[in-house]
C-alpha atoms as a PDB file:
ATOM      1  CA  MET A   1      91.228 109.120 111.023  1.00  0.00           C
ATOM      2  CA  ARG A   2      91.225 112.120 108.256  1.00  0.00           C
ATOM      3  CA  THR A   3      91.112 112.948 104.994  1.00  0.00           C
ATOM      4  CA  ARG A   4      95.055 112.629 102.339  1.00  0.00           C
ATOM      5  CA  ARG A   5      93.846 116.307 101.903  1.00  0.00           C
ATOM      6  CA  ASP A   6      93.591 117.371 105.856  1.00  0.00           C
ATOM      7  CA  SER A   7      96.117 115.030 107.207  1.00  0.00           C
ATOM      8  CA  ASN A   8      99.910 115.687 107.398  1.00  0.00           C
ATOM      9  CA  PRO A   9     101.391 115.608 104.253  1.00  0.00           C
ATOM     10  CA  GLU A  10     103.577 112.813 106.215  1.00  0.00           C
ATOM     11  CA  GLU A  11     101.145 110.762 107.488  1.00  0.00           C
ATOM     12  CA  PRO A  12     100.805 106.936 104.900  1.00  0.00           C
ATOM     13  CA  PHE A  13      97.076 106.816 103.135  1.00  0.00           C
ATOM     14  CA  PRO A  14      95.477 104.891 104.051  1.00  0.00           C
ATOM     15  CA  VAL A  15      96.151 104.684 107.432  1.00  0.00           C
ATOM     16  CA  GLU A  16      97.102 101.694 109.373  1.00  0.00           C
ATOM     17  CA  ILE A  17      96.513 100.361 112.409  1.00  0.00           C
ATOM     18  CA  PRO A  18      97.960  98.220 114.545  1.00  0.00           C
ATOM     19  CA  SER A  19      97.313  95.051 116.235  1.00  0.00           C
ATOM     20  CA  ALA A  20      96.523  96.166 119.541  1.00  0.00           C
ATOM     21  CA  ARG A  21      95.126  99.096 118.409  1.00  0.00           C
ATOM     22  CA  LEU A  22      92.582  96.896 116.362  1.00  0.00           C
ATOM     23  CA  ALA A  23      91.407  94.485 119.242  1.00  0.00           C
ATOM     24  CA  ASP A  24      89.827  97.373 121.363  1.00  0.00           C
ATOM     25  CA  LEU A  25      87.275  98.722 118.896  1.00  0.00           C
ATOM     26  CA  THR A  26      83.639  97.365 118.997  1.00  0.00           C
ATOM     27  CA  PRO A  27      81.822  96.418 116.255  1.00  0.00           C
ATOM     28  CA  ASP A  28      79.949  99.615 116.720  1.00  0.00           C
ATOM     29  CA  LYS A  29      82.945 101.438 115.529  1.00  0.00           C
ATOM     30  CA  VAL A  30      84.463  99.300 113.095  1.00  0.00           C
ATOM     31  CA  VAL A  31      83.499  96.782 110.854  1.00  0.00           C
ATOM     32  CA  LEU A  32      86.742  94.411 109.542  1.00  0.00           C
ATOM     33  CA  VAL A  33      86.414  93.387 105.593  1.00  0.00           C
ATOM     34  CA  ASP A  34      88.531  90.989 104.455  1.00  0.00           C
ATOM     35  CA  VAL A  35      89.620  90.847 100.709  1.00  0.00           C
ATOM     36  CA  ARG A  36      91.313  87.678 101.068  1.00  0.00           C
ATOM     37  CA  THR A  37      90.071  84.447  99.182  1.00  0.00           C
ATOM     38  CA  PRO A  38      86.778  82.041 100.685  1.00  0.00           C
ATOM     39  CA  GLY A  39      89.345  79.649 100.397  1.00  0.00           C
ATOM     40  CA  GLU A  40      91.952  81.105 102.751  1.00  0.00           C
ATOM     41  CA  TYR A  41      89.042  83.094 105.113  1.00  0.00           C
ATOM     42  CA  GLN A  42      87.262  79.664 105.542  1.00  0.00           C
ATOM     43  CA  THR A  43      90.618  77.909 107.068  1.00  0.00           C
ATOM     44  CA  ALA A  44      91.505  81.080 109.779  1.00  0.00           C
ATOM     45  CA  HIS A  45      90.055  84.306 109.952  1.00  0.00           C
ATOM     46  CA  ILE A  46      89.392  87.564 113.118  1.00  0.00           C
ATOM     47  CA  PRO A  47      86.681  86.486 114.953  1.00  0.00           C
ATOM     48  CA  ASP A  48      83.568  88.997 113.745  1.00  0.00           C
ATOM     49  CA  ALA A  49      85.329  89.589 109.808  1.00  0.00           C
ATOM     50  CA  GLU A  50      83.152  89.584 107.261  1.00  0.00           C
ATOM     51  CA  ASN A  51      85.036  88.052 103.305  1.00  0.00           C
ATOM     52  CA  PHE A  52      84.265  90.802 100.958  1.00  0.00           C
ATOM     53  CA  PRO A  53      87.423  88.759  98.147  1.00  0.00           C
ATOM     54  CA  LEU A  54      88.940  91.432  96.230  1.00  0.00           C
ATOM     55  CA  ASN A  55      87.897  90.273  92.875  1.00  0.00           C
ATOM     56  CA  SER A  56      84.549  90.780  94.396  1.00  0.00           C
ATOM     57  CA  LEU A  57      84.655  94.506  95.683  1.00  0.00           C
ATOM     58  CA  SER A  58      83.822  95.858  92.519  1.00  0.00           C
ATOM     59  CA  SER A  59      80.086  94.323  92.380  1.00  0.00           C
ATOM     60  CA  ALA A  60      79.785  94.603  96.188  1.00  0.00           C
ATOM     61  CA  GLY A  61      81.583  97.563  96.739  1.00  0.00           C
ATOM     62  CA  ALA A  62      77.878  99.478  97.194  1.00  0.00           C
ATOM     63  CA  ASN A  63      76.121  97.709  99.008  1.00  0.00           C
ATOM     64  CA  LEU A  64      78.927  97.121 101.722  1.00  0.00           C
ATOM     65  CA  ALA A  65      79.526 100.675 101.057  1.00  0.00           C
ATOM     66  CA  SER A  66      74.956 101.102 102.014  1.00  0.00           C
ATOM     67  CA  ALA A  67      75.530  99.111 105.166  1.00  0.00           C
ATOM     68  CA  ALA A  68      78.281 101.156 106.415  1.00  0.00           C
ATOM     69  CA  ARG A  69      76.790 104.137 106.083  1.00  0.00           C
ATOM     70  CA  GLU A  70      73.869 103.205 107.927  1.00  0.00           C
ATOM     71  CA  ARG A  71      75.620 101.783 111.170  1.00  0.00           C
ATOM     72  CA  GLY A  72      77.832 105.244 111.016  1.00  0.00           C
ATOM     73  CA  VAL A  73      81.126 103.103 111.132  1.00  0.00           C
ATOM     74  CA  SER A  74      84.472 102.191 109.469  1.00  0.00           C
ATOM     75  CA  LEU A  75      86.114  99.722 107.307  1.00  0.00           C
ATOM     76  CA  CYS A  76      89.537  97.697 108.487  1.00  0.00           C
ATOM     77  CA  LEU A  77      90.590  96.418 105.399  1.00  0.00           C
ATOM     78  CA  ILE A  78      91.957  92.997 106.165  1.00  0.00           C
ATOM     79  CA  CYS A  79      94.483  90.088 104.344  1.00  0.00           C
ATOM     80  CA  ARG A  80      97.461  88.718 104.882  1.00  0.00           C
ATOM     81  CA  SER A  81      99.828  91.000 105.238  1.00  0.00           C
ATOM     82  CA  GLY A  82      98.443  93.858 103.792  1.00  0.00           C
ATOM     83  CA  ALA A  83      98.733  94.017 100.258  1.00  0.00           C
ATOM     84  CA  ARG A  84      96.243  93.232  98.971  1.00  0.00           C
ATOM     85  CA  ALA A  85      94.522  95.070 101.214  1.00  0.00           C
ATOM     86  CA  ARG A  86      95.890  98.667  99.845  1.00  0.00           C
ATOM     87  CA  GLN A  87      94.653  97.303  96.312  1.00  0.00           C
ATOM     88  CA  ALA A  88      91.111  97.107  97.636  1.00  0.00           C
ATOM     89  CA  VAL A  89      91.287 100.832  98.436  1.00  0.00           C
ATOM     90  CA  ALA A  90      90.233 102.056  95.396  1.00  0.00           C
ATOM     91  CA  SER A  91      87.334  99.653  94.620  1.00  0.00           C
ATOM     92  CA  LEU A  92      85.727 101.238  98.365  1.00  0.00           C
ATOM     93  CA  LEU A  93      86.592 104.902  96.706  1.00  0.00           C
ATOM     94  CA  ALA A  94      84.959 103.952  94.210  1.00  0.00           C
ATOM     95  CA  ALA A  95      82.016 102.958  95.871  1.00  0.00           C
ATOM     96  CA  GLY A  96      81.613 106.499  97.598  1.00  0.00           C
ATOM     97  CA  ILE A  97      82.883 105.517 100.698  1.00  0.00           C
ATOM     98  CA  PRO A  98      85.302 108.801 102.096  1.00  0.00           C
ATOM     99  CA  ALA A  99      89.040 107.704 102.608  1.00  0.00           C
ATOM    100  CA  ASN A 100      88.618 109.364 105.736  1.00  0.00           C
ATOM    101  CA  GLN A 101      86.543 105.805 106.976  1.00  0.00           C
ATOM    102  CA  ILE A 102      89.157 103.576 105.443  1.00  0.00           C
ATOM    103  CA  SER A 103      92.149 101.170 107.311  1.00  0.00           C
ATOM    104  CA  ILE A 104      93.778  98.596 106.492  1.00  0.00           C
ATOM    105  CA  LEU A 105      94.729  96.517 109.772  1.00  0.00           C
ATOM    106  CA  SER A 106      98.951  96.660 110.001  1.00  0.00           C
ATOM    107  CA  GLY A 107     100.672  93.605 109.024  1.00  0.00           C
ATOM    108  CA  GLY A 108      97.304  91.822 107.695  1.00  0.00           C
ATOM    109  CA  VAL A 109      96.591  88.086 109.290  1.00  0.00           C
ATOM    110  CA  ALA A 110      99.682  87.105 109.655  1.00  0.00           C
ATOM    111  CA  ALA A 111     100.708  89.916 112.452  1.00  0.00           C
ATOM    112  CA  TRP A 112      97.669  89.609 114.118  1.00  0.00           C
ATOM    113  CA  GLU A 113      98.814  85.503 114.636  1.00  0.00           C
ATOM    114  CA  GLN A 114     102.315  86.368 115.448  1.00  0.00           C
ATOM    115  CA  GLU A 115     101.023  88.858 117.901  1.00  0.00           C
ATOM    116  CA  GLY A 116      98.722  85.714 119.718  1.00  0.00           C
ATOM    117  CA  ARG A 117      95.305  87.531 118.775  1.00  0.00           C
ATOM    118  CA  PRO A 118      92.326  84.687 117.996  1.00  0.00           C
ATOM    119  CA  LEU A 119      91.695  83.552 115.077  1.00  0.00           C
ATOM    120  CA  VAL A 120      88.499  81.823 113.392  1.00  0.00           C
ATOM    121  CA  ARG A 121      89.814  78.934 112.276  1.00  0.00           C
ATOM    122  CA  GLY A 122      87.812  76.185 109.793  1.00  0.00           C
ATOM    123  CA  GLN A 123      88.661  72.464 108.234  1.00  0.00           C
ATOM    124  CA  ARG A 124      90.235  73.621 105.277  1.00  0.00           C
ATOM    125  CA  ARG A 125      93.713  74.045 104.580  1.00  0.00           C
ATOM    126  CA  THR A 126      94.457  76.703 102.052  1.00  0.00           C
ATOM    127  CA  LEU A 127      98.123  78.019 101.465  1.00  0.00           C
ATOM    128  CA  PRO A 128      98.251  81.809 101.954  1.00  0.00           C
ATOM    129  CA  LEU A 129      97.509  83.436  98.610  1.00  0.00           C
ATOM    130  CA  ASP A 130     100.394  84.404  97.995  1.00  0.00           C
ATOM    131  CA  ALA A 131     102.364  81.425  98.825  1.00  0.00           C
ATOM    132  CA  GLN A 132     100.793  80.072  95.776  1.00  0.00           C
ATOM    133  CA  VAL A 133     101.670  82.301  93.431  1.00  0.00           C
ATOM    134  CA  ARG A 134     105.193  81.549  94.351  1.00  0.00           C
ATOM    135  CA  ILE A 135     104.708  77.789  94.261  1.00  0.00           C
ATOM    136  CA  ALA A 136     103.184  78.266  90.837  1.00  0.00           C
ATOM    137  CA  ALA A 137     105.855  80.434  89.293  1.00  0.00           C
ATOM    138  CA  GLY A 138     108.482  78.491  90.384  1.00  0.00           C
ATOM    139  CA  SER A 139     106.762  75.953  88.998  1.00  0.00           C
ATOM    140  CA  VAL A 140     106.721  77.327  85.862  1.00  0.00           C
ATOM    141  CA  VAL A 141     110.398  78.896  85.504  1.00  0.00           C
ATOM    142  CA  LEU A 142     111.743  75.331  86.387  1.00  0.00           C
ATOM    143  CA  THR A 143     109.327  74.117  83.254  1.00  0.00           C
ATOM    144  CA  GLY A 144     110.918  76.452  81.306  1.00  0.00           C
ATOM    145  CA  ALA A 145     114.281  75.308  82.127  1.00  0.00           C
ATOM    146  CA  PHE A 146     113.573  72.578  81.435  1.00  0.00           C
ATOM    147  CA  LEU A 147     111.764  72.462  78.344  1.00  0.00           C
ATOM    148  CA  ALA A 148     114.863  74.586  77.165  1.00  0.00           C
ATOM    149  CA  LEU A 149     117.272  72.044  78.261  1.00  0.00           C
ATOM    150  CA  LEU A 150     115.361  69.121  76.742  1.00  0.00           C
ATOM    151  CA  VAL A 151     112.974  70.706  73.965  1.00  0.00           C
ATOM    152  CA  HIS A 152     114.514  73.830  72.131  1.00  0.00           C
ATOM    153  CA  PRO A 153     116.478  76.655  73.469  1.00  0.00           C
ATOM    154  CA  LEU A 154     113.533  79.098  72.813  1.00  0.00           C
ATOM    155  CA  LEU A 155     111.245  77.477  75.365  1.00  0.00           C
ATOM    156  CA  VAL A 156     113.503  79.611  78.064  1.00  0.00           C
ATOM    157  CA  LEU A 157     111.735  82.019  76.829  1.00  0.00           C
ATOM    158  CA  VAL A 158     108.732  80.013  79.715  1.00  0.00           C
ATOM    159  CA  SER A 159     110.762  81.313  82.608  1.00  0.00           C
ATOM    160  CA  ALA A 160     111.268  84.432  81.497  1.00  0.00           C
ATOM    161  CA  PHE A 161     107.851  85.387  81.304  1.00  0.00           C
ATOM    162  CA  ALA A 162     106.923  84.539  84.693  1.00  0.00           C
ATOM    163  CA  GLY A 163     110.075  86.318  85.754  1.00  0.00           C
ATOM    164  CA  ALA A 164     108.662  89.171  84.003  1.00  0.00           C
ATOM    165  CA  GLY A 165     105.256  88.442  85.514  1.00  0.00           C
ATOM    166  CA  LEU A 166     106.722  88.420  89.180  1.00  0.00           C
ATOM    167  CA  VAL A 167     108.702  92.218  88.321  1.00  0.00           C
ATOM    168  CA  MET A 168     106.119  93.876  87.130  1.00  0.00           C
ATOM    169  CA  ALA A 169     104.032  92.815  90.249  1.00  0.00           C
ATOM    170  CA  GLY A 170     106.712  94.094  92.690  1.00  0.00           C
ATOM    171  CA  PHE A 171     106.743  97.239  90.833  1.00  0.00           C
ATOM    172  CA  THR A 172     102.915  97.618  90.238  1.00  0.00           C
ATOM    173  CA  GLY A 173     101.258  95.405  92.524  1.00  0.00           C
ATOM    174  CA  LEU A 174      98.819  93.821  90.070  1.00  0.00           C
ATOM    175  CA  CYS A 175     100.529  90.174  89.728  1.00  0.00           C
ATOM    176  CA  PRO A 176      97.627  88.361  87.011  1.00  0.00           C
ATOM    177  CA  MET A 177      98.617  84.911  88.562  1.00  0.00           C
ATOM    178  CA  ALA A 178      97.321  86.132  91.657  1.00  0.00           C
ATOM    179  CA  ASN A 179      93.928  87.042  90.029  1.00  0.00           C
ATOM    180  CA  LEU A 180      94.007  83.817  88.018  1.00  0.00           C
ATOM    181  CA  LEU A 181      94.605  81.611  91.535  1.00  0.00           C
ATOM    182  CA  ALA A 182      91.982  83.303  92.952  1.00  0.00           C
ATOM    183  CA  ALA A 183      89.247  81.772  90.835  1.00  0.00           C
ATOM    184  CA  MET A 184      90.771  78.129  91.366  1.00  0.00           C
ATOM    185  CA  PRO A 185      88.291  76.019  92.968  1.00  0.00           C
ATOM    186  CA  TRP A 186      90.141  75.535  96.127  1.00  0.00           C
ATOM    187  CA  ASN A 187      90.074  78.947  96.296  1.00  0.00           C
ATOM    188  CA  ARG A 188      87.162  78.999  96.460  1.00  0.00           C
ATOM    189  CA  GLY A 189      86.009  77.778  98.877  1.00  0.00           C
ATOM    190  CA  ASP A 190      82.584  75.243 100.760  1.00  0.00           C
ATOM    191  CA  ASP A 191      80.123  78.577  99.623  1.00  0.00           C
ATOM    192  CA  ALA A 192      80.216  81.207  96.932  1.00  0.00           C
ATOM    193  CA  PRO A 193      82.076  84.338  97.522  1.00  0.00           C
ATOM    194  CA  THR A 194      80.588  86.735  99.124  1.00  0.00           C
ATOM    195  CA  THR A 195      78.632  89.454  96.989  1.00  0.00           C
ATOM    196  CA  SER A 196      76.305  91.126  99.311  1.00  0.00           C
ATOM    197  CA  CYS A 197      76.899  92.708 102.686  1.00  0.00           C
ATOM    198  CA  ASN A 198      76.351  90.498 105.800  1.00  0.00           C
ATOM    199  CA  ILE A 199      77.731  92.693 109.016  1.00  0.00           C
ATOM    200  CA  THR A 200      77.500  91.272 112.182  1.00  0.00           C
ATOM    201  CA  SER A 201      77.040  93.199 115.248  1.00  0.00           C
ATOM    202  CA  ARG A 202      78.823  90.756 117.600  1.00  0.00           C
ATOM    203  CA  THR A 203      81.506  91.738 119.672  1.00  0.00           C
ATOM    204  CA  ARG A 204      85.791  90.608 119.697  1.00  0.00           C
ATOM    205  CA  LYS A 205      86.572  88.733 122.470  1.00  0.00           C
END
């Protein structure tokens, strides 16, 4: 992979790796970094992927960068569909990881699973964070509409607030509701979120 400066201007950054190519890469070449919530990770994850939740990368990024340098490997970021992985790139760049050592799994876990590739499944059943956001936003919109009908018309602003948040998330990629939901108990998993590097050296099959 090449840095943004050295790459073709038409080549997107960060580089996206398709599932078929990632499946052929061994752990001595690339470390899989799953940036979803611990609850999502424990529900199902790609074999040998390590969980570094997006909201922990600001503190764990330095340890991850150090471990990657010691092993001389690149990092492939994984989330449900790719959106959170793109957000994680900035944290890793700030931690000192060169841009040419960072890539993203194209389509995320959803694409990997759709292609019939193996997943490690746990006993937890946590909804993907994007589904939780849609449910929460829809609930707020419905609540605001009912309150406007039954209590006071100005309470329709509750629905407007939720809609404005979704519009902002669409344009900026930043979603306060997603950050709030990620901190909820059901998304924390059975153990505390990973904050130190525990990169394994097993071989994916």
